[in-house]
């Protein structure tokens, strides 16, 4: 339901942006007609003013305006799905980054707190410290300490099992990002094929090859391919960052798990 709401929001935002873009074009058309009338009234002076206005328009054209123009030229049928994939993929990526950032703790400080709690209050005190600490490392410590009375073998098995569970939770959502990375350029290439087919259909209908006739279809083909590649590149960067973050946390989880086994082994000998 959340994803459906996000898609509808993106569609409404896109429609609103297109309406604003169309209104801007209408205003620009009216301004152009007014400039032409003024130019007929005063030739020399208006020519200078028109040059200044043209330079200001080119210099002041925003990136948003250019991107929206190219988006409309590429066609809704291919550009909108790619845009939706990009938006949803970024939403999933940002959620994963926030989740992984909150899962990161100072492991050395946490281990020192566990050792201090074991020294002063025993297993129960150490479990309380692990329970009140966020992140997968603390969860693994809590599960290990919870099974201390069953023996060190049970502790090691619980650490391995719950470590796999935590790794799966950290990797949740990555399959969707990977899917969008694959689908975005595919849709772009599909738009390329359709654009080229339209260009050849126009040639066949006219019975002659004209650069102007073919340019429209080829332009649509190139724009859809460009949009798909841009979406895939952006999502790929986020995907690789998330994977590297997960690998770092997994390595830290394995290292701290060994430390927990050593701590409990030393504690058991007392």
Protein backbone atom coordinates (compact mmCIF):
# COMPACT_ATOMS: atom_id res chain seq x y z
CA UNK A 1 0.00 0.00 0.00
CA UNK A 2 2.85 2.39 0.79
CA UNK A 3 4.50 1.69 -2.55
CA UNK A 4 1.20 2.24 -4.40
CA UNK A 5 0.74 5.56 -2.60
CA UNK A 6 4.29 6.52 -3.55
CA UNK A 7 3.64 5.71 -7.22
CA UNK A 8 0.43 7.75 -7.23
CA UNK A 9 2.23 10.66 -5.57
CA UNK A 10 4.96 10.57 -8.18
CA UNK A 11 2.38 10.53 -10.97
CA UNK A 12 0.51 13.50 -9.50
CA UNK A 13 3.76 15.39 -9.00
CA UNK A 14 4.77 14.69 -12.58
CA UNK A 15 1.42 15.86 -13.92
CA UNK A 16 1.62 19.04 -11.88
CA UNK A 17 5.13 19.70 -13.10
CA UNK A 18 4.09 19.16 -16.71
CA UNK A 19 1.18 21.58 -16.32
CA UNK A 20 3.52 24.18 -14.90
CA UNK A 21 5.92 23.55 -17.75
CA UNK A 22 3.13 24.00 -20.32
CA UNK A 23 2.07 27.21 -18.64
CA UNK A 24 5.64 28.48 -18.76
CA UNK A 25 5.77 27.71 -22.46
CA UNK A 26 2.53 29.64 -23.01
CA UNK A 27 3.91 32.61 -21.11
CA UNK A 28 7.08 32.45 -23.13
CA UNK A 29 5.03 32.41 -26.34
CA UNK A 30 3.06 35.47 -25.27
CA UNK A 31 6.25 37.28 -24.32
CA UNK A 32 7.72 36.47 -27.72
CA UNK A 33 4.69 37.89 -29.55
CA UNK A 34 4.84 41.05 -27.47
CA UNK A 35 8.53 41.43 -28.19
CA UNK A 36 7.85 41.07 -31.93
CA UNK A 37 5.20 43.83 -31.84
CA UNK A 38 7.52 46.13 -29.97
CA UNK A 39 10.28 45.41 -32.47
CA UNK A 40 8.08 46.59 -35.33
CA UNK A 41 7.46 49.91 -33.53
CA UNK A 42 11.12 50.70 -32.80
CA UNK A 43 13.58 48.82 -35.01
CA UNK A 44 17.03 49.78 -33.82
CA UNK A 45 16.30 50.18 -30.12
CA UNK A 46 14.15 47.07 -29.83
CA UNK A 47 16.78 44.94 -31.55
CA UNK A 48 19.20 45.68 -28.74
CA UNK A 49 16.57 44.95 -26.08
CA UNK A 50 15.62 41.68 -27.79
CA UNK A 51 19.25 40.54 -27.83
CA UNK A 52 19.59 41.25 -24.13
CA UNK A 53 16.34 39.38 -23.37
CA UNK A 54 17.45 36.40 -25.44
CA UNK A 55 20.78 36.19 -23.61
CA UNK A 56 19.01 36.43 -20.25
CA UNK A 57 16.59 33.65 -21.22
CA UNK A 58 19.41 31.30 -22.26
CA UNK A 59 21.52 32.10 -19.21
CA UNK A 60 18.55 31.81 -16.82
CA UNK A 61 17.22 28.49 -18.13
CA UNK A 62 17.20 26.12 -15.19
CA UNK A 63 18.30 22.51 -15.21
CA UNK A 64 14.80 21.53 -14.06
CA UNK A 65 13.31 23.21 -17.13
CA UNK A 66 15.71 21.45 -19.48
CA UNK A 67 15.22 18.04 -17.88
CA UNK A 68 11.43 18.36 -17.99
CA UNK A 69 11.57 19.37 -21.64
CA UNK A 70 13.67 16.32 -22.51
CA UNK A 71 11.36 14.16 -20.40
CA UNK A 72 8.33 15.29 -22.39
CA UNK A 73 10.13 14.88 -25.68
CA UNK A 74 10.99 11.29 -24.78
CA UNK A 75 7.32 10.39 -24.34
CA UNK A 76 5.24 9.39 -21.31
CA UNK A 77 4.98 5.74 -22.29
CA UNK A 78 8.68 5.05 -21.66
CA UNK A 79 9.95 7.92 -19.53
CA UNK A 80 7.35 7.75 -16.73
CA UNK A 81 7.96 4.06 -15.80
CA UNK A 82 11.71 4.71 -15.69
CA UNK A 83 11.13 7.74 -13.47
CA UNK A 84 8.90 5.70 -11.14
CA UNK A 85 11.56 2.98 -10.90
CA UNK A 86 14.15 5.63 -10.03
CA UNK A 87 11.99 7.23 -7.33
CA UNK A 88 11.03 3.92 -5.68
CA UNK A 89 14.61 2.63 -5.91
CA UNK A 90 15.92 5.79 -4.24
CA UNK A 91 13.29 5.50 -1.50
CA UNK A 92 14.34 1.92 -0.75
CA UNK A 93 18.03 2.87 -0.88
CA UNK A 94 17.61 5.80 1.51
CA UNK A 95 15.62 3.61 3.92
CA UNK A 96 18.41 0.99 3.86
CA UNK A 97 21.09 3.62 4.42
CA UNK A 98 19.24 5.02 7.43
CA UNK A 99 18.69 1.51 8.82
CA UNK A 100 22.35 0.58 8.44
CA UNK A 101 23.51 3.89 9.89
CA UNK A 102 21.37 3.33 12.99
CA UNK A 103 22.71 -0.24 13.22
CA UNK A 104 26.30 0.96 13.49
CA UNK A 105 27.64 1.30 17.04
CA UNK A 106 30.98 1.69 18.75
CA UNK A 107 31.75 -2.01 19.15
CA UNK A 108 34.81 -1.51 21.36
CA UNK A 109 32.84 0.61 23.81
CA UNK A 110 29.96 -1.88 23.77
CA UNK A 111 32.28 -4.84 24.48
CA UNK A 112 33.85 -2.92 27.35
CA UNK A 113 30.37 -2.31 28.80
CA UNK A 114 29.54 -6.02 28.49
CA UNK A 115 32.74 -7.01 30.27
CA UNK A 116 32.10 -4.48 33.02
CA UNK A 117 28.52 -5.71 33.46
CA UNK A 118 29.67 -9.33 33.63
CA UNK A 119 32.28 -8.40 36.19
CA UNK A 120 29.88 -6.51 38.43
CA UNK A 121 26.44 -8.03 37.85
CA UNK A 122 26.87 -11.29 36.00
CA UNK A 123 24.94 -12.57 32.97
CA UNK A 124 21.72 -10.73 33.79
CA UNK A 125 23.49 -7.36 33.91
CA UNK A 126 25.25 -8.06 30.60
CA UNK A 127 21.92 -9.04 29.02
CA UNK A 128 20.42 -5.77 30.20
CA UNK A 129 23.23 -3.82 28.54
CA UNK A 130 22.73 -5.74 25.28
CA UNK A 131 18.96 -5.26 25.44
CA UNK A 132 19.30 -1.49 25.79
CA UNK A 133 21.74 -1.16 22.89
CA UNK A 134 20.57 -0.91 19.28
CA UNK A 135 22.01 -2.74 16.30
CA UNK A 136 22.66 -6.34 15.16
CA UNK A 137 25.79 -6.75 17.29
CA UNK A 138 23.86 -6.08 20.47
CA UNK A 139 21.08 -8.44 19.34
CA UNK A 140 23.59 -11.24 18.73
CA UNK A 141 25.15 -10.64 22.16
CA UNK A 142 21.74 -10.78 23.79
CA UNK A 143 20.87 -14.09 22.11
CA UNK A 144 24.23 -15.56 23.09
CA UNK A 145 23.98 -14.43 26.70
CA UNK A 146 20.41 -15.71 26.87
CA UNK A 147 21.63 -19.25 26.19
CA UNK A 148 24.65 -19.16 28.47
CA UNK A 149 23.02 -21.60 30.91
CA UNK A 150 22.75 -24.17 28.10
CA UNK A 151 26.50 -24.26 27.57
CA UNK A 152 29.05 -22.62 25.32
CA UNK A 153 28.13 -24.86 22.39
CA UNK A 154 24.57 -23.55 22.49
CA UNK A 155 25.92 -20.02 22.69
CA UNK A 156 28.03 -20.51 19.57
CA UNK A 157 25.13 -22.04 17.64
CA UNK A 158 22.80 -19.21 18.59
CA UNK A 159 25.41 -16.64 17.55
CA UNK A 160 25.79 -18.24 14.11
CA UNK A 161 22.05 -18.67 13.61
CA UNK A 162 21.05 -15.21 14.75
CA UNK A 163 23.94 -13.69 12.82
CA UNK A 164 22.40 -15.10 9.64
CA UNK A 165 19.04 -13.63 10.62
CA UNK A 166 20.55 -10.19 11.17
CA UNK A 167 22.39 -10.37 7.84
CA UNK A 168 19.13 -11.19 6.07
CA UNK A 169 17.43 -8.21 7.71
CA UNK A 170 20.22 -5.88 6.59
CA UNK A 171 19.97 -7.16 3.01
CA UNK A 172 16.21 -6.70 2.90
CA UNK A 173 15.15 -4.53 -0.06
CA UNK A 174 18.34 -4.98 -2.07
CA UNK A 175 16.58 -7.30 -4.51
CA UNK A 176 14.18 -4.48 -5.44
CA UNK A 177 17.02 -2.07 -6.07
CA UNK A 178 18.74 -4.68 -8.23
CA UNK A 179 15.48 -5.21 -10.15
CA UNK A 180 15.11 -1.49 -10.87
CA UNK A 181 18.76 -1.29 -11.95
CA UNK A 182 18.08 -4.04 -14.50
CA UNK A 183 14.66 -2.82 -15.68
CA UNK A 184 15.52 0.87 -16.19
CA UNK A 185 18.00 0.42 -19.07
CA UNK A 186 15.84 -2.38 -20.50
CA UNK A 187 12.88 -0.02 -20.78
CA UNK A 188 15.19 2.61 -22.24
CA UNK A 189 16.44 0.20 -24.90
CA UNK A 190 12.87 -0.89 -25.60
CA UNK A 191 11.96 2.75 -26.17
CA UNK A 192 14.94 2.96 -28.50
CA UNK A 193 13.66 0.06 -30.58
CA UNK A 194 10.14 1.52 -30.72
CA UNK A 195 11.51 4.93 -31.75
CA UNK A 196 13.58 3.40 -34.53
CA UNK A 197 10.55 1.41 -35.73
CA UNK A 198 8.51 4.62 -35.84
CA UNK A 199 11.26 6.29 -37.84
CA UNK A 200 11.32 3.51 -40.42
CA UNK A 201 7.53 3.49 -40.57
CA UNK A 202 7.64 7.18 -41.43
CA UNK A 203 10.20 6.50 -44.15
CA UNK A 204 8.08 3.70 -45.57
CA UNK A 205 4.92 5.82 -45.57
CA UNK A 206 6.64 8.76 -47.30
CA UNK A 207 8.59 6.61 -49.73
CA UNK A 208 11.63 8.83 -49.27
CA UNK A 209 14.41 9.32 -46.73
CA UNK A 210 14.40 12.76 -45.14
CA UNK A 211 16.57 13.74 -42.16
CA UNK A 212 13.73 15.79 -40.70
CA UNK A 213 11.34 12.86 -40.97
CA UNK A 214 13.70 10.40 -39.27
CA UNK A 215 15.05 12.79 -36.61
CA UNK A 216 11.93 12.65 -34.39
CA UNK A 217 11.96 8.88 -33.93
CA UNK A 218 15.70 8.74 -33.40
CA UNK A 219 15.53 11.54 -30.82
CA UNK A 220 12.87 9.71 -28.82
CA UNK A 221 15.00 6.55 -29.01
CA UNK A 222 18.10 8.30 -27.69
CA UNK A 223 16.24 10.13 -24.91
CA UNK A 224 14.63 6.96 -23.54
CA UNK A 225 17.98 5.18 -23.58
CA UNK A 226 19.64 8.11 -21.80
CA UNK A 227 16.94 8.22 -19.11
CA UNK A 228 17.22 4.49 -18.47
CA UNK A 229 21.00 4.60 -18.20
CA UNK A 230 20.91 7.61 -15.86
CA UNK A 231 18.44 5.86 -13.54
CA UNK A 232 20.51 2.66 -13.57
CA UNK A 233 23.76 4.51 -12.82
CA UNK A 234 22.26 6.43 -9.89
CA UNK A 235 20.72 3.31 -8.35
CA UNK A 236 23.91 1.31 -8.93
CA UNK A 237 25.93 3.83 -6.91
CA UNK A 238 23.51 3.56 -3.99
CA UNK A 239 23.42 -0.24 -4.31
CA UNK A 240 27.21 -0.58 -4.14
CA UNK A 241 27.40 1.75 -1.13
CA UNK A 242 24.75 -0.27 0.71
CA UNK A 243 26.49 -3.56 -0.09
CA UNK A 244 29.82 -2.21 1.16
CA UNK A 245 28.11 -1.00 4.33
CA UNK A 246 26.56 -4.43 4.89
CA UNK A 247 29.89 -6.18 4.32
CA UNK A 248 31.52 -3.92 6.90
CA UNK A 249 28.81 -4.65 9.46
CA UNK A 250 28.97 -8.40 8.79
CA UNK A 251 32.73 -8.42 9.33
CA UNK A 252 32.29 -6.49 12.57
CA UNK A 253 29.56 -8.90 13.68
CA UNK A 254 31.84 -11.90 13.10
CA UNK A 255 34.73 -10.26 14.92
CA UNK A 256 32.65 -9.26 17.94
CA UNK A 257 31.01 -12.72 18.03
CA UNK A 258 34.42 -14.32 18.48
CA UNK A 259 35.12 -11.82 21.24
CA UNK A 260 31.85 -12.76 22.98
CA UNK A 261 32.82 -16.45 22.90
CA UNK A 262 36.19 -15.61 24.43
CA UNK A 263 34.58 -13.45 27.11
CA UNK A 264 32.10 -16.14 28.10
CA UNK A 265 34.80 -18.81 28.08
CA UNK A 266 36.88 -16.73 30.50
CA UNK A 267 33.80 -15.97 32.61
CA UNK A 268 32.90 -19.68 32.78
CA UNK A 269 36.31 -20.56 34.24
CA UNK A 270 35.82 -18.31 37.24
